[in-house]
Amino acid sequence: MKTSFNLQKYGIETEQVYRNSSVPVLYELGLRLEKGTAISSVGALMTYSGEKTGRSPKDKRIVRHPDSENNIDWGPINIGLDEHTFMVNHERALDFLNICDHLFVVDAYAGWDPKYRIKVRIICTRAYHALFMQNMLIMPTAEELENFGEPDYVVLNAGGFPANRYTSEMTSKTSVDLNLERKEIVILGTQYAGEMKKGIFSVMNYLMPLENVLPMHCSANVGEKDDVTILFGLSGTGKTTLSADPKRKLIGDDEHCWTDQGTFNIEGGCYAKAINLSAEKEPDIYNAIKFGTVLENVVYDKFSREVDYADTTITQNTRASYPIHYIDNVQIPCVAGHPENIIFLTCDAFGVLPPVSKLTPEQASYHFISGYTAKVAGTEMGVTEPQATFSACFGAAFMMWHPNKYAELLAEKIKEHKATAWLVNTGWTGGAHGVGSRMSLKYTRAMIDAIHHHDFDNVEFTTDEEFGFQIPLSCPNVPSEILIPKNTWEDKGQYQEVKKKLVGLFNENFKKFAANVNAKIVEAGPSADHALQS
């Protein structure tokens, strides 16, 4: 159904505008008008994002303005842009939107807590993008929509049209520009839907600390006693798998805030990786793929329309976007109390971090700023050992303040609400990648269960000499020998060598933050003589 929704205040004259359309309407328009769109055998809308099948972090820019300039951690992640260039791109986006014979508008909320939520308006050219954002944001009721009023932020998604590479400061045909003062995001040259989602997350990452709220790139769930657990972790650490716990309700899988009142999810849906997806490994996600779900860049059988989740011909970054209520065991509204446990997940392919350890608030801040994981040796010639990856706050690409801002908020909230922080290694045991083996998911789940059941309250701990964290000496349903990494290595000398190397990598990475970080947090990092200091 087309509406007469007016966009003239933005300089857009297009008359046919579909605002907050129903899922069937968006399916019909997508299938009829958008190349590469089809229905899967289980009723999901399969879409194709074109040349860009992932985010373009080097093309994301923020307008420098006296009002916000001093708050932003400028550098290779937060790249500056002048107001004039933003307006050139803005004009180019409007020109494109004005030649489209129809547009889509999504008016919705970011943030489940009414006190902190923002009103967002998405203006886009594709049914796929509209359905994606209707899944990812929190949709207003009919009454809320009627009284929606002016949005707090507007996303002008003209991604089907390229940026002009001759425009000053443009490095490619892709440009994602955020103007905090105009409260606008302009997208050119990429139709990857994740840019809209992460653009809104970046906005929340800027706004929330101004209200003493900690925005977090994490998953969260809640137990029967209203005990909330937050799980941080980079790609491949098991964040999605471990947060989907049959004994606990999911609050959300990716973006949350910790306020003075408790925790809330920023999003209304989930955006799950679909590579190698199976009913056995990820039943919650697998069963959420149905009518209303967007499947992005997947390969499927042209006759049966069955998806081949193992086929990465288009991209390794295949995705599924669905409303959070498509998950059975979910907390709606997605709001809960203060976190009792903070879990940092890391996949340590060096095999030297313990499978579970307890952190002080300062150590928690240190590991939060570090955001460590290690990937297994890549496919490149000559790369035979694990590669360390550090991403500040487990989501550097979306953090707009200096990492210390978020780390201090975390430490403050951990202390105030008496939360316990844990480091859980889902990576290698018995040696580094190539010698040892991946930690069993069954054991990792048992350790996380032990955290939830307070089983570590009455066990003996030992202090790690270099890292200084506390390692429990026993855990229900887990063999004690795997809790101390050194015990699992045949070559103890080699273990010490590899551990020393990892300590060096941590210290080297932290140098770039040290000058702006609280001294107690710096001291909480690993060192060869940590045992002597403690």
Protein backbone atom coordinates (compact mmCIF):
# COMPACT_ATOMS: atom_id res chain seq x y z
CA MET A 1 0.00 0.00 0.00
CA LYS A 2 1.53 3.32 -0.96
CA THR A 3 1.13 6.27 1.35
CA SER A 4 1.23 9.99 0.77
CA PHE A 5 4.00 10.40 3.34
CA ASN A 6 5.74 13.69 2.64
CA LEU A 7 9.55 13.99 2.56
CA GLN A 8 9.70 17.54 1.18
CA LYS A 9 11.30 18.92 4.35
CA TYR A 10 14.40 16.89 3.38
CA GLY A 11 14.35 18.22 -0.18
CA ILE A 12 12.86 14.96 -1.49
CA GLU A 13 9.95 15.30 -3.93
CA THR A 14 9.34 11.58 -4.61
CA GLU A 15 5.59 11.03 -4.19
CA GLN A 16 5.34 7.27 -3.79
CA VAL A 17 6.58 6.53 -0.29
CA TYR A 18 6.04 3.26 1.58
CA ARG A 19 6.22 3.95 5.32
CA ASN A 20 6.50 1.09 7.86
CA SER A 21 5.01 -1.32 5.32
CA SER A 22 3.83 -4.81 6.15
CA VAL A 23 6.18 -7.73 5.53
CA PRO A 24 4.09 -9.11 2.58
CA VAL A 25 4.15 -5.68 0.86
CA LEU A 26 7.94 -5.48 1.23
CA TYR A 27 8.30 -9.06 -0.09
CA GLU A 28 6.16 -8.25 -3.15
CA LEU A 29 8.08 -5.08 -3.98
CA GLY A 30 11.48 -6.67 -3.37
CA LEU A 31 10.69 -9.69 -5.55
CA ARG A 32 9.22 -7.57 -8.32
CA LEU A 33 11.75 -4.76 -8.44
CA GLU A 34 15.07 -5.80 -6.93
CA LYS A 35 17.63 -7.92 -8.77
CA GLY A 36 18.83 -11.01 -6.93
CA THR A 37 15.79 -11.27 -4.64
CA ALA A 38 14.03 -14.62 -4.12
CA ILE A 39 12.04 -16.58 -1.52
CA SER A 40 13.82 -19.44 0.24
CA SER A 41 12.25 -22.88 0.75
CA VAL A 42 11.31 -21.87 4.32
CA GLY A 43 9.90 -18.46 3.33
CA ALA A 44 12.82 -16.11 4.09
CA LEU A 45 13.55 -13.22 1.71
CA MET A 46 16.90 -13.86 0.04
CA THR A 47 18.58 -10.63 -1.05
CA TYR A 48 21.76 -9.53 -2.77
CA SER A 49 23.65 -6.48 -1.52
CA GLY A 50 25.71 -6.04 -4.69
CA GLU A 51 29.43 -5.43 -4.85
CA LYS A 52 29.81 -4.66 -1.13
CA THR A 53 29.04 -7.69 1.05
CA GLY A 54 30.45 -6.29 4.29
CA ARG A 55 31.08 -2.97 6.03
CA SER A 56 33.58 -0.45 4.61
CA PRO A 57 35.32 0.87 7.77
CA LYS A 58 37.88 2.95 5.82
CA ASP A 59 35.04 4.86 4.15
CA LYS A 60 33.24 5.81 7.38
CA ARG A 61 33.68 9.45 8.40
CA ILE A 62 32.45 11.84 11.09
CA VAL A 63 31.98 15.56 10.55
CA ARG A 64 34.35 17.64 12.69
CA HIS A 65 32.37 20.26 14.58
CA PRO A 66 33.32 22.42 17.61
CA ASP A 67 30.38 21.02 19.62
CA SER A 68 31.55 17.38 19.47
CA GLU A 69 35.15 17.53 18.21
CA ASN A 70 36.81 17.20 21.63
CA ASN A 71 34.76 14.12 22.54
CA ILE A 72 35.81 11.99 19.59
CA ASP A 73 38.84 9.72 19.45
CA TRP A 74 40.06 10.81 16.01
CA GLY A 75 42.27 8.42 14.05
CA PRO A 76 42.08 5.54 11.56
CA ILE A 77 38.70 4.40 12.99
CA ASN A 78 37.03 7.78 13.50
CA ILE A 79 38.12 9.63 10.37
CA GLY A 80 37.30 13.35 10.23
CA LEU A 81 35.31 15.10 7.50
CA ASP A 82 34.57 18.78 6.92
CA GLU A 83 31.02 20.11 6.82
CA HIS A 84 31.29 21.22 3.17
CA THR A 85 32.23 17.73 1.93
CA PHE A 86 29.41 16.23 3.99
CA MET A 87 26.97 18.60 2.27
CA VAL A 88 28.34 17.66 -1.18
CA ASN A 89 27.64 13.98 -0.39
CA HIS A 90 24.28 14.93 1.16
CA GLU A 91 23.30 16.73 -2.04
CA ARG A 92 24.39 13.76 -4.16
CA ALA A 93 22.24 11.45 -2.02
CA LEU A 94 19.22 13.76 -2.40
CA ASP A 95 19.72 13.91 -6.17
CA PHE A 96 19.58 10.13 -6.32
CA LEU A 97 16.60 9.78 -3.96
CA ASN A 98 14.73 12.33 -6.08
CA ILE A 99 15.04 10.32 -9.29
CA CYS A 100 13.62 7.15 -7.67
CA ASP A 101 9.99 6.50 -8.52
CA HIS A 102 9.34 5.16 -5.02
CA LEU A 103 11.07 5.26 -1.62
CA PHE A 104 10.75 3.47 1.71
CA VAL A 105 10.61 5.06 5.15
CA VAL A 106 11.10 3.20 8.41
CA ASP A 107 10.21 5.13 11.57
CA ALA A 108 11.28 3.18 14.64
CA TYR A 109 13.21 3.25 17.91
CA ALA A 110 16.76 2.34 18.92
CA GLY A 111 16.75 1.25 22.58
CA TRP A 112 14.12 -0.71 24.55
CA ASP A 113 14.29 1.59 27.58
CA PRO A 114 11.89 4.51 26.90
CA LYS A 115 14.09 6.82 28.99
CA TYR A 116 17.08 6.41 26.65
CA ARG A 117 15.65 5.32 23.31
CA ILE A 118 16.04 7.51 20.23
CA LYS A 119 13.63 7.91 17.33
CA VAL A 120 15.20 6.94 14.01
CA ARG A 121 13.97 7.58 10.47
CA ILE A 122 15.44 5.49 7.65
CA ILE A 123 14.89 6.78 4.09
CA CYS A 124 15.97 4.15 1.56
CA THR A 125 15.38 2.91 -1.97
CA ARG A 126 15.11 -0.86 -1.46
CA ALA A 127 12.43 -3.05 0.11
CA TYR A 128 15.29 -5.24 1.35
CA HIS A 129 16.73 -2.33 3.35
CA ALA A 130 13.34 -1.37 4.77
CA LEU A 131 12.57 -4.94 5.90
CA PHE A 132 16.09 -5.29 7.34
CA MET A 133 15.71 -2.15 9.47
CA GLN A 134 12.16 -3.06 10.51
CA ASN A 135 13.73 -6.27 11.85
CA MET A 136 16.71 -4.55 13.48
CA LEU A 137 14.99 -1.57 15.11
CA ILE A 138 12.12 -1.59 17.62
CA MET A 139 8.90 -1.02 15.72
CA PRO A 140 6.35 1.44 17.12
CA THR A 141 2.75 0.43 17.76
CA ALA A 142 0.08 2.00 15.50
CA GLU A 143 -0.56 4.63 18.19
CA GLU A 144 3.16 5.37 18.68
CA LEU A 145 3.58 5.72 14.91
CA GLU A 146 0.70 8.17 14.71
CA ASN A 147 2.37 10.33 17.39
CA PHE A 148 5.93 9.67 16.22
CA GLY A 149 6.66 13.33 15.44
CA GLU A 150 10.14 14.36 14.32
CA PRO A 151 12.91 11.75 14.49
CA ASP A 152 16.09 12.28 16.52
CA TYR A 153 18.28 10.89 13.71
CA VAL A 154 17.75 10.41 9.98
CA VAL A 155 19.58 7.92 7.75
CA LEU A 156 19.60 8.86 4.05
CA ASN A 157 20.52 5.58 2.38
CA ALA A 158 21.39 6.33 -1.25
CA GLY A 159 23.74 3.34 -1.34
CA GLY A 160 22.71 2.40 -4.88
CA PHE A 161 24.52 5.53 -6.12
CA PRO A 162 28.31 6.01 -5.82
CA ALA A 163 30.15 8.83 -4.09
CA ASN A 164 32.13 11.05 -6.48
CA ARG A 165 35.75 9.95 -6.04
CA TYR A 166 36.93 13.43 -7.07
CA THR A 167 35.17 14.96 -4.08
CA SER A 168 37.76 16.07 -1.54
CA GLU A 169 38.67 13.35 1.02
CA MET A 170 36.79 10.56 -0.79
CA THR A 171 38.98 7.49 -1.16
CA SER A 172 36.52 5.29 -3.06
CA LYS A 173 33.00 5.18 -4.48
CA THR A 174 31.75 4.29 -0.98
CA SER A 175 31.08 6.86 1.70
CA VAL A 176 29.27 6.53 5.04
CA ASP A 177 29.14 9.94 6.72
CA LEU A 178 27.82 10.80 10.19
CA ASN A 179 26.97 14.39 11.11
CA LEU A 180 26.21 14.57 14.86
CA GLU A 181 25.08 18.20 14.70
CA ARG A 182 22.66 17.72 11.77
CA LYS A 183 21.76 14.32 13.25
CA GLU A 184 22.09 12.63 9.89
CA ILE A 185 23.87 9.67 8.33
CA VAL A 186 24.41 9.69 4.56
CA ILE A 187 25.25 6.43 2.75
CA LEU A 188 26.62 6.32 -0.82
CA GLY A 189 28.17 3.51 -2.85
CA THR A 190 27.27 0.50 -0.70
CA GLN A 191 24.04 -1.47 -0.43
CA TYR A 192 25.28 -3.61 2.45
CA ALA A 193 22.47 -3.27 5.02
CA GLY A 194 24.79 -3.59 8.02
CA GLU A 195 26.01 -0.01 7.43
CA MET A 196 22.63 1.34 8.61
CA LYS A 197 22.57 -0.87 11.71
CA LYS A 198 26.13 -0.03 12.71
CA GLY A 199 25.61 3.65 11.92
CA ILE A 200 22.84 3.80 14.53
CA PHE A 201 25.03 1.83 16.97
CA SER A 202 27.81 4.41 16.49
CA VAL A 203 25.32 7.19 17.30
CA MET A 204 24.26 5.39 20.51
CA ASN A 205 27.95 4.85 21.36
CA TYR A 206 28.38 8.62 21.18
CA LEU A 207 25.18 9.70 22.96
CA MET A 208 24.99 7.25 25.85
CA PRO A 209 28.21 8.14 27.74
CA LEU A 210 26.92 11.75 27.85
CA GLU A 211 24.19 10.35 30.15
CA ASN A 212 26.56 8.15 32.19
CA VAL A 213 25.29 5.08 30.32
CA LEU A 214 27.74 2.44 29.03
CA PRO A 215 26.98 1.26 25.45
CA MET A 216 28.38 -2.22 24.80
CA HIS A 217 29.06 -4.42 21.77
CA CYS A 218 27.99 -7.63 23.49
CA SER A 219 25.28 -10.25 23.91
CA ALA A 220 23.20 -10.56 27.09
CA ASN A 221 20.91 -13.07 28.76
CA VAL A 222 19.03 -13.40 32.03
CA GLY A 223 18.39 -16.33 34.40
CA GLU A 224 15.30 -17.28 36.39
CA LYS A 225 16.47 -15.17 39.35
CA ASP A 226 16.78 -12.07 37.12
CA ASP A 227 20.57 -12.48 37.13
CA VAL A 228 21.95 -10.84 33.99
CA THR A 229 25.12 -11.94 32.19
CA ILE A 230 26.90 -9.84 29.58
CA LEU A 231 29.14 -11.64 27.04
CA PHE A 232 31.76 -9.69 25.11
CA GLY A 233 33.70 -11.34 22.30
CA LEU A 234 35.03 -10.75 18.81
CA SER A 235 34.07 -12.84 15.80
CA GLY A 236 34.69 -16.57 16.24
CA THR A 237 34.81 -16.56 20.05
CA GLY A 238 31.37 -18.14 20.54
CA LYS A 239 29.42 -15.06 21.68
CA THR A 240 26.22 -15.92 19.76
CA THR A 241 26.40 -19.66 20.56
CA LEU A 242 27.04 -19.19 24.28
CA SER A 243 24.45 -16.43 24.79
CA ALA A 244 21.77 -18.76 23.34
CA ASP A 245 21.42 -20.78 26.55
CA PRO A 246 18.32 -23.00 26.92
CA LYS A 247 18.32 -22.30 30.68
CA ARG A 248 18.32 -18.51 30.26
CA LYS A 249 16.34 -15.91 28.30
CA LEU A 250 18.11 -13.96 25.56
CA ILE A 251 18.03 -10.17 26.03
CA GLY A 252 19.91 -9.56 22.78
CA ASP A 253 22.82 -10.77 20.67
CA ASP A 254 24.85 -7.67 19.78
CA GLU A 255 24.21 -4.19 21.22
CA HIS A 256 23.28 -3.23 24.79
CA CYS A 257 23.45 -0.39 27.30
CA TRP A 258 24.11 -0.48 31.05
CA THR A 259 22.28 2.34 32.83
CA ASP A 260 21.76 3.32 36.48
CA GLN A 261 18.59 1.19 36.34
CA GLY A 262 19.92 -1.93 34.59
CA THR A 263 20.46 -3.30 31.08
CA PHE A 264 18.61 -2.81 27.81
CA ASN A 265 19.02 -4.01 24.24
CA ILE A 266 19.47 -1.28 21.62
CA GLU A 267 17.98 -3.44 18.85
CA GLY A 268 14.70 -5.09 18.03
CA GLY A 269 16.25 -8.00 16.17
CA CYS A 270 19.29 -10.18 15.54
CA TYR A 271 21.81 -10.12 12.70
CA ALA A 272 23.42 -13.54 12.80
CA LYS A 273 26.25 -14.96 10.72
CA ALA A 274 24.86 -17.70 8.48
CA ILE A 275 28.10 -19.38 7.33
CA ASN A 276 27.91 -23.15 7.96
CA LEU A 277 24.63 -22.67 9.81
CA SER A 278 22.96 -25.94 10.83
CA ALA A 279 19.99 -27.07 12.94
CA GLU A 280 22.36 -29.14 15.11
CA LYS A 281 24.90 -26.40 15.93
CA GLU A 282 22.65 -23.30 16.11
CA PRO A 283 19.03 -24.47 16.50
CA ASP A 284 17.77 -21.05 17.70
CA ILE A 285 19.12 -19.19 14.68
CA TYR A 286 18.26 -21.97 12.24
CA ASN A 287 14.61 -22.02 13.41
CA ALA A 288 14.36 -18.21 13.27
CA ILE A 289 14.84 -18.30 9.50
CA LYS A 290 11.31 -18.12 8.13
CA PHE A 291 8.82 -15.66 6.60
CA GLY A 292 9.97 -12.15 7.58
CA THR A 293 13.67 -13.04 7.89
CA VAL A 294 16.15 -11.41 5.50
CA LEU A 295 18.88 -13.74 4.22
CA GLU A 296 21.75 -11.72 2.81
CA ASN A 297 24.06 -12.92 0.01
CA VAL A 298 23.42 -16.64 0.47
CA VAL A 299 23.73 -19.22 -2.31
CA TYR A 300 20.69 -21.40 -2.96
CA ASP A 301 19.45 -24.18 -5.23
CA LYS A 302 17.65 -22.52 -8.16
CA PHE A 303 14.98 -25.24 -8.26
CA SER A 304 14.23 -26.10 -4.62
CA ARG A 305 15.24 -22.69 -3.21
CA GLU A 306 17.06 -24.48 -0.40
CA VAL A 307 19.98 -22.48 1.00
CA ASP A 308 23.48 -23.95 0.99
CA TYR A 309 24.94 -22.33 4.11
CA ALA A 310 28.38 -23.81 3.43
CA ASP A 311 28.65 -22.10 0.02
CA THR A 312 30.67 -18.89 0.33
CA THR A 313 30.87 -18.11 -3.40
CA ILE A 314 29.34 -14.64 -2.89
CA THR A 315 30.91 -13.90 0.51
CA GLN A 316 31.97 -15.54 3.78
CA ASN A 317 29.86 -12.88 5.48
CA THR A 318 26.41 -14.38 4.77
CA ARG A 319 23.82 -13.10 7.26
CA ALA A 320 20.31 -13.58 8.61
CA SER A 321 18.28 -10.67 10.01
CA TYR A 322 15.13 -11.42 11.99
CA PRO A 323 13.01 -9.85 14.76
CA ILE A 324 14.15 -10.93 18.23
CA HIS A 325 10.78 -12.54 18.98
CA TYR A 326 11.64 -15.18 16.33
CA ILE A 327 13.86 -16.66 19.06
CA ASP A 328 11.80 -18.85 21.43
CA ASN A 329 13.49 -18.15 24.74
CA VAL A 330 13.64 -14.37 24.77
CA GLN A 331 13.02 -11.55 27.27
CA ILE A 332 10.43 -9.11 25.85
CA PRO A 333 10.65 -6.20 26.39
CA CYS A 334 14.43 -6.59 26.12
CA VAL A 335 15.16 -4.86 29.44
CA ALA A 336 16.60 -6.43 32.62
CA GLY A 337 18.46 -5.63 35.82
CA HIS A 338 22.14 -4.97 36.49
CA PRO A 339 24.66 -7.53 35.21
CA GLU A 340 25.86 -9.97 37.86
CA ASN A 341 28.55 -11.45 35.60
CA ILE A 342 30.64 -9.92 32.83
CA ILE A 343 32.26 -12.54 30.59
CA PHE A 344 35.03 -11.66 28.14
CA LEU A 345 35.26 -14.41 25.53
CA THR A 346 38.53 -14.93 23.72
CA CYS A 347 39.60 -17.60 21.28
CA ASP A 348 43.29 -17.87 22.23
CA ALA A 349 44.86 -19.88 19.42
CA PHE A 350 48.22 -19.65 21.26
CA GLY A 351 46.72 -22.00 23.88
CA VAL A 352 48.16 -20.21 26.94
CA LEU A 353 45.16 -18.44 28.50
CA PRO A 354 43.18 -20.53 31.01
CA PRO A 355 39.69 -21.71 30.01
CA VAL A 356 38.22 -19.65 32.87
CA SER A 357 39.68 -17.01 35.21
CA LYS A 358 38.35 -14.30 37.52
CA LEU A 359 39.34 -10.65 37.05
CA THR A 360 39.52 -7.64 39.36
CA PRO A 361 37.60 -4.53 38.16
CA GLU A 362 40.94 -3.03 36.97
CA GLN A 363 41.90 -6.22 35.13
CA ALA A 364 38.42 -6.23 33.60
CA SER A 365 39.00 -2.70 32.29
CA TYR A 366 42.42 -3.72 30.94
CA HIS A 367 41.02 -6.73 29.06
CA PHE A 368 38.04 -4.66 27.89
CA ILE A 369 40.34 -2.02 26.37
CA SER A 370 42.55 -4.76 24.88
CA GLY A 371 39.68 -6.73 23.28
CA TYR A 372 41.93 -9.70 22.53
CA THR A 373 41.40 -12.81 20.48
CA ALA A 374 43.75 -14.81 18.26
CA LYS A 375 42.88 -16.28 14.90
CA VAL A 376 44.35 -19.49 13.60
CA ALA A 377 47.06 -19.35 10.99
CA GLY A 378 45.58 -17.95 7.78
CA THR A 379 45.72 -19.26 4.25
CA GLU A 380 48.58 -16.94 3.33
CA MET A 381 51.88 -18.55 2.36
CA GLY A 382 54.32 -18.72 5.25
CA VAL A 383 51.82 -17.89 8.00
CA THR A 384 52.17 -20.85 10.33
CA GLU A 385 51.44 -19.46 13.79
CA PRO A 386 48.35 -17.83 15.34
CA GLN A 387 47.60 -14.17 14.64
CA ALA A 388 46.71 -11.95 17.61
CA THR A 389 43.80 -9.54 17.08
CA PHE A 390 43.01 -6.64 19.41
CA SER A 391 39.83 -4.56 19.05
CA ALA A 392 39.30 -1.95 21.78
CA CYS A 393 36.14 -2.53 23.86
CA PHE A 394 35.46 -5.61 21.69
CA GLY A 395 34.08 -3.29 19.02
CA ALA A 396 36.64 -0.60 18.11
CA ALA A 397 34.96 0.10 14.76
CA PHE A 398 31.90 1.59 16.50
CA MET A 399 33.42 3.34 19.53
CA MET A 400 33.53 7.11 19.14
CA TRP A 401 35.05 8.23 22.44
CA HIS A 402 38.52 7.18 23.60
CA PRO A 403 38.36 3.54 24.84
CA ASN A 404 39.21 4.80 28.33
CA LYS A 405 35.82 6.55 28.50
CA TYR A 406 34.04 3.21 28.09
CA ALA A 407 36.54 1.34 30.31
CA GLU A 408 36.10 3.73 33.22
CA LEU A 409 32.32 3.51 32.91
CA LEU A 410 32.63 -0.29 32.97
CA ALA A 411 34.90 -0.31 36.05
CA GLU A 412 32.61 2.14 37.84
CA LYS A 413 29.51 0.03 37.12
CA ILE A 414 31.22 -3.27 38.03
CA LYS A 415 32.19 -1.82 41.42
CA GLU A 416 28.89 -0.06 42.08
CA HIS A 417 26.73 -3.08 41.25
CA LYS A 418 29.18 -5.71 42.54
CA ALA A 419 29.42 -7.57 39.25
CA THR A 420 32.10 -10.23 38.76
CA ALA A 421 34.26 -10.21 35.62
CA TRP A 422 35.56 -13.40 34.01
CA LEU A 423 37.87 -14.21 31.11
CA VAL A 424 36.77 -17.36 29.26
CA ASN A 425 39.06 -18.86 26.63
CA THR A 426 37.15 -20.83 23.99
CA GLY A 427 40.37 -21.35 22.00
CA TRP A 428 43.16 -23.88 22.22
CA THR A 429 44.28 -26.23 24.98
CA GLY A 430 47.23 -28.64 25.17
CA GLY A 431 49.35 -26.49 22.86
CA ALA A 432 48.94 -23.79 20.27
CA HIS A 433 46.94 -24.26 17.06
CA GLY A 434 48.52 -27.14 15.11
CA VAL A 435 49.58 -28.99 18.28
CA GLY A 436 46.73 -28.65 20.78
CA SER A 437 42.99 -28.90 20.22
CA ARG A 438 40.05 -26.51 20.47
CA MET A 439 38.44 -26.30 23.91
CA SER A 440 35.34 -28.49 23.99
CA LEU A 441 32.08 -26.50 23.81
CA LYS A 442 30.66 -28.89 26.43
CA TYR A 443 33.40 -27.84 28.90
CA THR A 444 32.99 -24.13 28.10
CA ARG A 445 29.23 -24.40 28.72
CA ALA A 446 29.95 -26.21 32.02
CA MET A 447 32.27 -23.35 33.11
CA ILE A 448 29.67 -20.73 32.24
CA ASP A 449 27.04 -22.78 34.12
CA ALA A 450 29.42 -22.84 37.10
CA ILE A 451 29.67 -19.03 36.95
CA HIS A 452 25.87 -18.77 36.93
CA HIS A 453 25.44 -21.28 39.77
CA HIS A 454 28.08 -19.57 41.96
CA ASP A 455 30.08 -22.82 41.98
CA PHE A 456 33.35 -20.85 42.06
CA ASP A 457 32.41 -19.07 45.31
CA ASN A 458 33.87 -21.85 47.45
CA VAL A 459 36.74 -23.26 45.41
CA GLU A 460 40.47 -22.68 45.67
CA PHE A 461 42.08 -20.31 43.18
CA THR A 462 45.66 -19.86 42.04
CA THR A 463 47.09 -16.57 40.75
CA ASP A 464 48.56 -16.58 37.26
CA GLU A 465 52.15 -15.34 37.56
CA GLU A 466 52.21 -13.14 34.46
CA PHE A 467 48.59 -12.06 34.00
CA GLY A 468 47.70 -11.82 37.69
CA PHE A 469 44.16 -13.14 37.30
CA GLN A 470 42.66 -15.86 39.52
CA ILE A 471 42.28 -19.39 38.09
CA PRO A 472 39.86 -21.80 39.81
CA LEU A 473 41.41 -25.20 40.59
CA SER A 474 38.15 -27.12 40.14
CA CYS A 475 34.90 -26.83 38.20
CA PRO A 476 31.90 -29.20 38.08
CA ASN A 477 31.85 -31.44 34.97
CA VAL A 478 35.29 -30.24 33.80
CA PRO A 479 38.54 -32.23 34.25
CA SER A 480 40.74 -30.26 36.69
CA GLU A 481 43.89 -30.71 34.60
CA ILE A 482 42.58 -28.53 31.75
CA LEU A 483 41.98 -25.55 34.08
CA ILE A 484 45.74 -24.79 34.30
CA PRO A 485 47.03 -24.41 30.71
CA LYS A 486 50.64 -25.34 31.57
CA ASN A 487 49.47 -28.78 32.76
CA THR A 488 47.98 -29.52 29.32
CA TRP A 489 51.22 -28.83 27.41
CA GLU A 490 53.73 -31.66 26.93
CA ASP A 491 56.55 -29.20 26.37
CA LYS A 492 56.49 -26.91 29.46
CA GLY A 493 59.44 -24.86 28.20
CA GLN A 494 57.63 -24.17 24.94
CA TYR A 495 54.55 -23.13 26.94
CA GLN A 496 56.60 -20.50 28.81
CA GLU A 497 58.07 -19.21 25.54
CA VAL A 498 54.67 -18.85 23.86
CA LYS A 499 53.18 -17.26 26.97
CA LYS A 500 56.02 -14.74 27.14
CA LYS A 501 55.33 -13.87 23.51
CA LEU A 502 51.61 -13.31 24.22
CA VAL A 503 52.44 -11.07 27.21
CA GLY A 504 54.63 -9.05 24.83
CA LEU A 505 51.79 -8.73 22.30
CA PHE A 506 49.40 -7.49 25.01
CA ASN A 507 51.93 -4.94 26.27
CA GLU A 508 52.80 -3.72 22.77
CA ASN A 509 49.12 -3.26 21.88
CA PHE A 510 48.38 -1.37 25.11
CA LYS A 511 51.12 1.23 24.55
CA LYS A 512 48.81 3.27 22.31
CA PHE A 513 46.24 3.61 25.12
CA ALA A 514 48.48 3.93 28.19
CA ALA A 515 48.89 7.74 28.15
CA ASN A 516 45.12 8.31 28.40
CA VAL A 517 44.26 5.42 30.70
CA ASN A 518 43.94 5.38 34.48
CA ALA A 519 47.25 4.19 36.02
CA LYS A 520 45.53 1.40 37.99
CA ILE A 521 44.19 -0.06 34.73
CA VAL A 522 47.66 0.08 33.11
CA GLU A 523 49.15 -1.71 36.15
CA ALA A 524 46.51 -4.46 35.87
CA GLY A 525 48.06 -5.67 32.61
CA PRO A 526 50.36 -8.69 32.31
CA SER A 527 54.09 -8.55 32.98
CA ALA A 528 56.92 -11.01 33.46
CA ASP A 529 57.36 -9.85 37.06
CA HIS A 530 53.64 -9.59 37.88
CA ALA A 531 53.97 -12.29 40.52
CA LEU A 532 56.61 -10.24 42.35
CA GLN A 533 54.37 -7.14 42.39
CA SER A 534 51.23 -8.92 43.65
